[in-house]
């Protein structure tokens, strides 16, 4: 089973998971797009399944997706 990707997050937000255009070395800025949408939309909860399978790097990447906002 593959780990969740930024494309999964974009799809869950109802946004196109594949970005149009050409990108250097074929790398789409999908993490940047997912971060931008999560920051722009009123996302208050994010459920992560199988989080125990994430590496430390992947866990940190997901924790950094949403800036801490004052309540």
PDB file of N, CA and C in Angstrom:
ATOM      1  N   UNK A   1       0.843  -1.176   0.000  1.00  0.00           N
ATOM      2  CA  UNK A   1       0.000   0.000   0.000  1.00  0.00           C
ATOM      3  C   UNK A   1       0.886   1.237   0.000  1.00  0.00           C
ATOM      4  N   UNK A   2       0.562   2.181  -0.827  1.00  0.00           N
ATOM      5  CA  UNK A   2       1.368   3.393  -0.891  1.00  0.00           C
ATOM      6  C   UNK A   2       0.915   4.390   0.170  1.00  0.00           C
ATOM      7  N   UNK A   3       1.829   5.228   0.657  1.00  0.00           N
ATOM      8  CA  UNK A   3       1.441   6.225   1.649  1.00  0.00           C
ATOM      9  C   UNK A   3       0.604   7.323   0.999  1.00  0.00           C
ATOM     10  N   UNK A   4      -0.145   8.040   1.804  1.00  0.00           N
ATOM     11  CA  UNK A   4      -0.956   9.149   1.292  1.00  0.00           C
ATOM     12  C   UNK A   4      -0.045  10.165   0.618  1.00  0.00           C
ATOM     13  N   UNK A   5      -0.528  10.726  -0.440  1.00  0.00           N
ATOM     14  CA  UNK A   5       0.267  11.684  -1.194  1.00  0.00           C
ATOM     15  C   UNK A   5      -0.432  13.037  -1.196  1.00  0.00           C
ATOM     16  N   UNK A   6       0.258  14.061  -1.650  1.00  0.00           N
ATOM     17  CA  UNK A   6      -0.405  15.357  -1.756  1.00  0.00           C
ATOM     18  C   UNK A   6      -1.575  15.300  -2.737  1.00  0.00           C
ATOM     19  N   UNK A   7      -1.497  14.379  -3.708  1.00  0.00           N
ATOM     20  CA  UNK A   7      -2.599  14.227  -4.660  1.00  0.00           C
ATOM     21  C   UNK A   7      -3.850  13.713  -3.939  1.00  0.00           C
ATOM     22  N   UNK A   8      -3.664  12.839  -2.942  1.00  0.00           N
ATOM     23  CA  UNK A   8      -4.794  12.359  -2.141  1.00  0.00           C
ATOM     24  C   UNK A   8      -5.429  13.516  -1.373  1.00  0.00           C
ATOM     25  N   UNK A   9      -4.594  14.388  -0.812  1.00  0.00           N
ATOM     26  CA  UNK A   9      -5.113  15.538  -0.070  1.00  0.00           C
ATOM     27  C   UNK A   9      -5.884  16.480  -0.996  1.00  0.00           C
ATOM     28  N   UNK A  10      -5.336  16.740  -2.171  1.00  0.00           N
ATOM     29  CA  UNK A  10      -6.032  17.607  -3.125  1.00  0.00           C
ATOM     30  C   UNK A  10      -7.383  17.019  -3.514  1.00  0.00           C
ATOM     31  N   UNK A  11      -7.420  15.721  -3.771  1.00  0.00           N
ATOM     32  CA  UNK A  11      -8.680  15.071  -4.130  1.00  0.00           C
ATOM     33  C   UNK A  11      -9.672  15.147  -2.976  1.00  0.00           C
ATOM     34  N   UNK A  12      -9.203  14.950  -1.736  1.00  0.00           N
ATOM     35  CA  UNK A  12     -10.090  15.021  -0.572  1.00  0.00           C
ATOM     36  C   UNK A  12     -10.662  16.425  -0.394  1.00  0.00           C
ATOM     37  N   UNK A  13      -9.918  17.439  -0.826  1.00  0.00           N
ATOM     38  CA  UNK A  13     -10.391  18.827  -0.738  1.00  0.00           C
ATOM     39  C   UNK A  13     -11.283  19.205  -1.919  1.00  0.00           C
ATOM     40  N   UNK A  14     -11.470  18.265  -2.857  1.00  0.00           N
ATOM     41  CA  UNK A  14     -12.296  18.544  -4.028  1.00  0.00           C
ATOM     42  C   UNK A  14     -11.562  19.342  -5.092  1.00  0.00           C
ATOM     43  N   UNK A  15     -10.248  19.311  -5.059  1.00  0.00           N
ATOM     44  CA  UNK A  15      -9.420  20.039  -6.022  1.00  0.00           C
ATOM     45  C   UNK A  15      -8.790  19.044  -6.983  1.00  0.00           C
ATOM     46  N   UNK A  16      -8.428  19.496  -8.185  1.00  0.00           N
ATOM     47  CA  UNK A  16      -7.827  18.559  -9.141  1.00  0.00           C
ATOM     48  C   UNK A  16      -6.493  18.025  -8.612  1.00  0.00           C
ATOM     49  N   UNK A  17      -6.341  16.704  -8.534  1.00  0.00           N
ATOM     50  CA  UNK A  17      -5.101  16.142  -7.998  1.00  0.00           C
ATOM     51  C   UNK A  17      -3.908  16.271  -8.940  1.00  0.00           C
ATOM     52  N   UNK A  18      -4.156  16.398 -10.213  1.00  0.00           N
ATOM     53  CA  UNK A  18      -3.070  16.574 -11.179  1.00  0.00           C
ATOM     54  C   UNK A  18      -3.079  18.014 -11.664  1.00  0.00           C
ATOM     55  N   UNK A  19      -1.935  18.658 -11.588  1.00  0.00           N
ATOM     56  CA  UNK A  19      -1.831  20.066 -11.938  1.00  0.00           C
ATOM     57  C   UNK A  19      -1.457  20.210 -13.408  1.00  0.00           C
ATOM     58  N   UNK A  20      -2.082  21.169 -14.099  1.00  0.00           N
ATOM     59  CA  UNK A  20      -1.757  21.362 -15.516  1.00  0.00           C
ATOM     60  C   UNK A  20      -0.398  22.040 -15.677  1.00  0.00           C
ATOM     61  N   UNK A  21       0.217  21.846 -16.823  1.00  0.00           N
ATOM     62  CA  UNK A  21       1.462  22.528 -17.130  1.00  0.00           C
ATOM     63  C   UNK A  21       2.664  21.621 -17.053  1.00  0.00           C
ATOM     64  N   UNK A  22       3.785  22.182 -17.480  1.00  0.00           N
ATOM     65  CA  UNK A  22       5.039  21.440 -17.424  1.00  0.00           C
ATOM     66  C   UNK A  22       5.850  21.887 -16.225  1.00  0.00           C
ATOM     67  N   UNK A  23       6.528  20.964 -15.587  1.00  0.00           N
ATOM     68  CA  UNK A  23       7.298  21.271 -14.394  1.00  0.00           C
ATOM     69  C   UNK A  23       8.699  20.697 -14.527  1.00  0.00           C
ATOM     70  N   UNK A  24       9.693  21.324 -13.897  1.00  0.00           N
ATOM     71  CA  UNK A  24      11.063  20.833 -14.008  1.00  0.00           C
ATOM     72  C   UNK A  24      11.193  19.387 -13.539  1.00  0.00           C
ATOM     73  N   UNK A  25      11.892  18.613 -14.304  1.00  0.00           N
ATOM     74  CA  UNK A  25      12.142  17.200 -13.993  1.00  0.00           C
ATOM     75  C   UNK A  25      10.855  16.429 -13.747  1.00  0.00           C
ATOM     76  N   UNK A  26       9.737  16.895 -14.323  1.00  0.00           N
ATOM     77  CA  UNK A  26       8.468  16.202 -14.182  1.00  0.00           C
ATOM     78  C   UNK A  26       7.872  16.277 -12.790  1.00  0.00           C
ATOM     79  N   UNK A  27       8.414  17.124 -11.927  1.00  0.00           N
ATOM     80  CA  UNK A  27       7.927  17.210 -10.545  1.00  0.00           C
ATOM     81  C   UNK A  27       6.843  18.269 -10.439  1.00  0.00           C
ATOM     82  N   UNK A  28       5.635  17.832 -10.154  1.00  0.00           N
ATOM     83  CA  UNK A  28       4.545  18.767  -9.927  1.00  0.00           C
ATOM     84  C   UNK A  28       4.663  19.336  -8.515  1.00  0.00           C
ATOM     85  N   UNK A  29       4.365  20.606  -8.325  1.00  0.00           N
ATOM     86  CA  UNK A  29       4.424  21.188  -6.986  1.00  0.00           C
ATOM     87  C   UNK A  29       3.168  20.825  -6.185  1.00  0.00           C
ATOM     88  N   UNK A  30       2.897  19.541  -6.073  1.00  0.00           N
ATOM     89  CA  UNK A  30       1.656  19.089  -5.439  1.00  0.00           C
ATOM     90  C   UNK A  30       1.612  19.402  -3.952  1.00  0.00           C
ATOM     91  N   UNK A  31       2.743  19.252  -3.236  1.00  0.00           N
ATOM     92  CA  UNK A  31       2.731  19.592  -1.806  1.00  0.00           C
ATOM     93  C   UNK A  31       2.453  21.069  -1.623  1.00  0.00           C
ATOM     94  N   UNK A  32       3.018  21.898  -2.484  1.00  0.00           N
ATOM     95  CA  UNK A  32       2.788  23.334  -2.395  1.00  0.00           C
ATOM     96  C   UNK A  32       1.314  23.655  -2.648  1.00  0.00           C
ATOM     97  N   UNK A  33       0.716  22.987  -3.628  1.00  0.00           N
ATOM     98  CA  UNK A  33      -0.705  23.202  -3.921  1.00  0.00           C
ATOM     99  C   UNK A  33      -1.579  22.737  -2.763  1.00  0.00           C
ATOM    100  N   UNK A  34      -1.290  21.563  -2.203  1.00  0.00           N
ATOM    101  CA  UNK A  34      -2.076  21.061  -1.073  1.00  0.00           C
ATOM    102  C   UNK A  34      -1.952  21.994   0.122  1.00  0.00           C
ATOM    103  N   UNK A  35      -0.743  22.475   0.393  1.00  0.00           N
ATOM    104  CA  UNK A  35      -0.536  23.407   1.500  1.00  0.00           C
ATOM    105  C   UNK A  35      -1.307  24.701   1.271  1.00  0.00           C
ATOM    106  N   UNK A  36      -1.277  25.210   0.054  1.00  0.00           N
ATOM    107  CA  UNK A  36      -1.994  26.450  -0.256  1.00  0.00           C
ATOM    108  C   UNK A  36      -3.500  26.285  -0.055  1.00  0.00           C
ATOM    109  N   UNK A  37      -4.067  25.179  -0.534  1.00  0.00           N
ATOM    110  CA  UNK A  37      -5.506  24.966  -0.386  1.00  0.00           C
ATOM    111  C   UNK A  37      -5.904  24.770   1.076  1.00  0.00           C
ATOM    112  N   UNK A  38      -5.100  24.030   1.833  1.00  0.00           N
ATOM    113  CA  UNK A  38      -5.427  23.820   3.249  1.00  0.00           C
ATOM    114  C   UNK A  38      -5.340  25.131   4.014  1.00  0.00           C
ATOM    115  N   UNK A  39      -4.403  25.992   3.631  1.00  0.00           N
ATOM    116  CA  UNK A  39      -4.268  27.295   4.277  1.00  0.00           C
ATOM    117  C   UNK A  39      -5.427  28.210   3.900  1.00  0.00           C
ATOM    118  N   UNK A  40      -5.860  28.161   2.639  1.00  0.00           N
ATOM    119  CA  UNK A  40      -6.895  29.063   2.143  1.00  0.00           C
ATOM    120  C   UNK A  40      -8.308  28.652   2.548  1.00  0.00           C
ATOM    121  N   UNK A  41      -8.547  27.347   2.649  1.00  0.00           N
ATOM    122  CA  UNK A  41      -9.888  26.873   2.984  1.00  0.00           C
ATOM    123  C   UNK A  41     -10.059  26.754   4.492  1.00  0.00           C
ATOM    124  N   UNK A  42     -11.294  26.819   4.969  1.00  0.00           N
ATOM    125  CA  UNK A  42     -11.515  26.696   6.416  1.00  0.00           C
ATOM    126  C   UNK A  42     -11.452  25.243   6.892  1.00  0.00           C
ATOM    127  N   UNK A  43     -10.313  24.595   6.674  1.00  0.00           N
ATOM    128  CA  UNK A  43     -10.127  23.213   7.121  1.00  0.00           C
ATOM    129  C   UNK A  43      -9.882  23.241   8.623  1.00  0.00           C
ATOM    130  N   UNK A  44     -10.730  22.556   9.371  1.00  0.00           N
ATOM    131  CA  UNK A  44     -10.568  22.532  10.829  1.00  0.00           C
ATOM    132  C   UNK A  44     -10.179  21.153  11.330  1.00  0.00           C
ATOM    133  N   UNK A  45     -10.411  20.116  10.530  1.00  0.00           N
ATOM    134  CA  UNK A  45     -10.062  18.762  10.930  1.00  0.00           C
ATOM    135  C   UNK A  45      -9.508  18.001   9.740  1.00  0.00           C
ATOM    136  N   UNK A  46      -8.553  17.149  10.030  1.00  0.00           N
ATOM    137  CA  UNK A  46      -7.991  16.294   9.001  1.00  0.00           C
ATOM    138  C   UNK A  46      -7.806  14.918   9.624  1.00  0.00           C
ATOM    139  N   UNK A  47      -8.478  13.932   9.071  1.00  0.00           N
ATOM    140  CA  UNK A  47      -8.379  12.574   9.586  1.00  0.00           C
ATOM    141  C   UNK A  47      -7.339  11.817   8.780  1.00  0.00           C
ATOM    142  N   UNK A  48      -6.408  11.202   9.473  1.00  0.00           N
ATOM    143  CA  UNK A  48      -5.346  10.454   8.813  1.00  0.00           C
ATOM    144  C   UNK A  48      -5.481   8.993   9.210  1.00  0.00           C
ATOM    145  N   UNK A  49      -5.672   8.149   8.231  1.00  0.00           N
ATOM    146  CA  UNK A  49      -5.748   6.714   8.474  1.00  0.00           C
ATOM    147  C   UNK A  49      -4.366   6.096   8.327  1.00  0.00           C
ATOM    148  N   UNK A  50      -4.100   5.104   9.136  1.00  0.00           N
ATOM    149  CA  UNK A  50      -2.830   4.367   9.094  1.00  0.00           C
ATOM    150  C   UNK A  50      -1.618   5.275   9.347  1.00  0.00           C
ATOM    151  N   UNK A  51      -1.781   6.241  10.220  1.00  0.00           N
ATOM    152  CA  UNK A  51      -0.685   7.170  10.519  1.00  0.00           C
ATOM    153  C   UNK A  51       0.519   6.455  11.113  1.00  0.00           C
ATOM    154  N   UNK A  52       0.309   5.317  11.721  1.00  0.00           N
ATOM    155  CA  UNK A  52       1.424   4.564  12.296  1.00  0.00           C
ATOM    156  C   UNK A  52       2.401   4.071  11.228  1.00  0.00           C
ATOM    157  N   UNK A  53       1.978   4.117   9.979  1.00  0.00           N
ATOM    158  CA  UNK A  53       2.847   3.672   8.888  1.00  0.00           C
ATOM    159  C   UNK A  53       3.713   4.796   8.338  1.00  0.00           C
ATOM    160  N   UNK A  54       3.495   6.027   8.788  1.00  0.00           N
ATOM    161  CA  UNK A  54       4.271   7.162   8.289  1.00  0.00           C
ATOM    162  C   UNK A  54       5.680   7.151   8.870  1.00  0.00           C
ATOM    163  N   UNK A  55       6.624   7.569   8.066  1.00  0.00           N
ATOM    164  CA  UNK A  55       7.972   7.796   8.579  1.00  0.00           C
ATOM    165  C   UNK A  55       7.938   9.122   9.347  1.00  0.00           C
ATOM    166  N   UNK A  56       8.986   9.392  10.100  1.00  0.00           N
ATOM    167  CA  UNK A  56       9.065  10.655  10.841  1.00  0.00           C
ATOM    168  C   UNK A  56       8.992  11.839   9.880  1.00  0.00           C
ATOM    169  N   UNK A  57       9.638  11.721   8.731  1.00  0.00           N
ATOM    170  CA  UNK A  57       9.630  12.809   7.741  1.00  0.00           C
ATOM    171  C   UNK A  57       8.214  13.070   7.219  1.00  0.00           C
ATOM    172  N   UNK A  58       7.492  12.011   6.901  1.00  0.00           N
ATOM    173  CA  UNK A  58       6.128  12.173   6.395  1.00  0.00           C
ATOM    174  C   UNK A  58       5.200  12.739   7.468  1.00  0.00           C
ATOM    175  N   UNK A  59       5.407  12.314   8.707  1.00  0.00           N
ATOM    176  CA  UNK A  59       4.598  12.850   9.805  1.00  0.00           C
ATOM    177  C   UNK A  59       4.824  14.345   9.936  1.00  0.00           C
ATOM    178  N   UNK A  60       6.069  14.771   9.924  1.00  0.00           N
ATOM    179  CA  UNK A  60       6.377  16.196  10.045  1.00  0.00           C
ATOM    180  C   UNK A  60       5.810  16.982   8.865  1.00  0.00           C
ATOM    181  N   UNK A  61       5.859  16.402   7.682  1.00  0.00           N
ATOM    182  CA  UNK A  61       5.328  17.088   6.496  1.00  0.00           C
ATOM    183  C   UNK A  61       3.832  17.369   6.666  1.00  0.00           C
ATOM    184  N   UNK A  62       3.112  16.393   7.198  1.00  0.00           N
ATOM    185  CA  UNK A  62       1.674  16.573   7.396  1.00  0.00           C
ATOM    186  C   UNK A  62       1.372  17.537   8.536  1.00  0.00           C
ATOM    187  N   UNK A  63       2.178  17.513   9.578  1.00  0.00           N
ATOM    188  CA  UNK A  63       1.956  18.436  10.693  1.00  0.00           C
ATOM    189  C   UNK A  63       2.223  19.882  10.279  1.00  0.00           C
ATOM    190  N   UNK A  64       3.079  20.079   9.304  1.00  0.00           N
ATOM    191  CA  UNK A  64       3.405  21.421   8.847  1.00  0.00           C
ATOM    192  C   UNK A  64       2.426  21.942   7.797  1.00  0.00           C
ATOM    193  N   UNK A  65       1.460  21.145   7.394  1.00  0.00           N
ATOM    194  CA  UNK A  65       0.528  21.582   6.348  1.00  0.00           C
ATOM    195  C   UNK A  65      -0.301  22.776   6.775  1.00  0.00           C
ATOM    196  N   UNK A  66      -0.694  22.805   8.017  1.00  0.00           N
ATOM    197  CA  UNK A  66      -1.598  23.859   8.468  1.00  0.00           C
ATOM    198  C   UNK A  66      -0.919  24.710   9.529  1.00  0.00           C
ATOM    199  N   UNK A  67      -0.813  26.022   9.261  1.00  0.00           N
ATOM    200  CA  UNK A  67      -0.204  26.873  10.272  1.00  0.00           C
ATOM    201  C   UNK A  67      -1.092  26.970  11.502  1.00  0.00           C
ATOM    202  N   UNK A  68      -0.486  27.140  12.657  1.00  0.00           N
ATOM    203  CA  UNK A  68      -1.275  27.319  13.890  1.00  0.00           C
ATOM    204  C   UNK A  68      -1.911  28.688  13.850  1.00  0.00           C
ATOM    205  N   UNK A  69      -3.208  28.710  13.978  1.00  0.00           N
ATOM    206  CA  UNK A  69      -3.944  29.985  13.962  1.00  0.00           C
ATOM    207  C   UNK A  69      -4.496  30.251  15.348  1.00  0.00           C
ATOM    208  N   UNK A  70      -4.498  31.514  15.762  1.00  0.00           N
ATOM    209  CA  UNK A  70      -5.099  31.800  17.077  1.00  0.00           C
ATOM    210  C   UNK A  70      -6.592  31.510  17.063  1.00  0.00           C
ATOM    211  N   UNK A  71      -7.092  31.015  18.163  1.00  0.00           N
ATOM    212  CA  UNK A  71      -8.532  30.676  18.256  1.00  0.00           C
ATOM    213  C   UNK A  71      -9.371  31.896  18.473  1.00  0.00           C
TER     214      UNK A  71
END
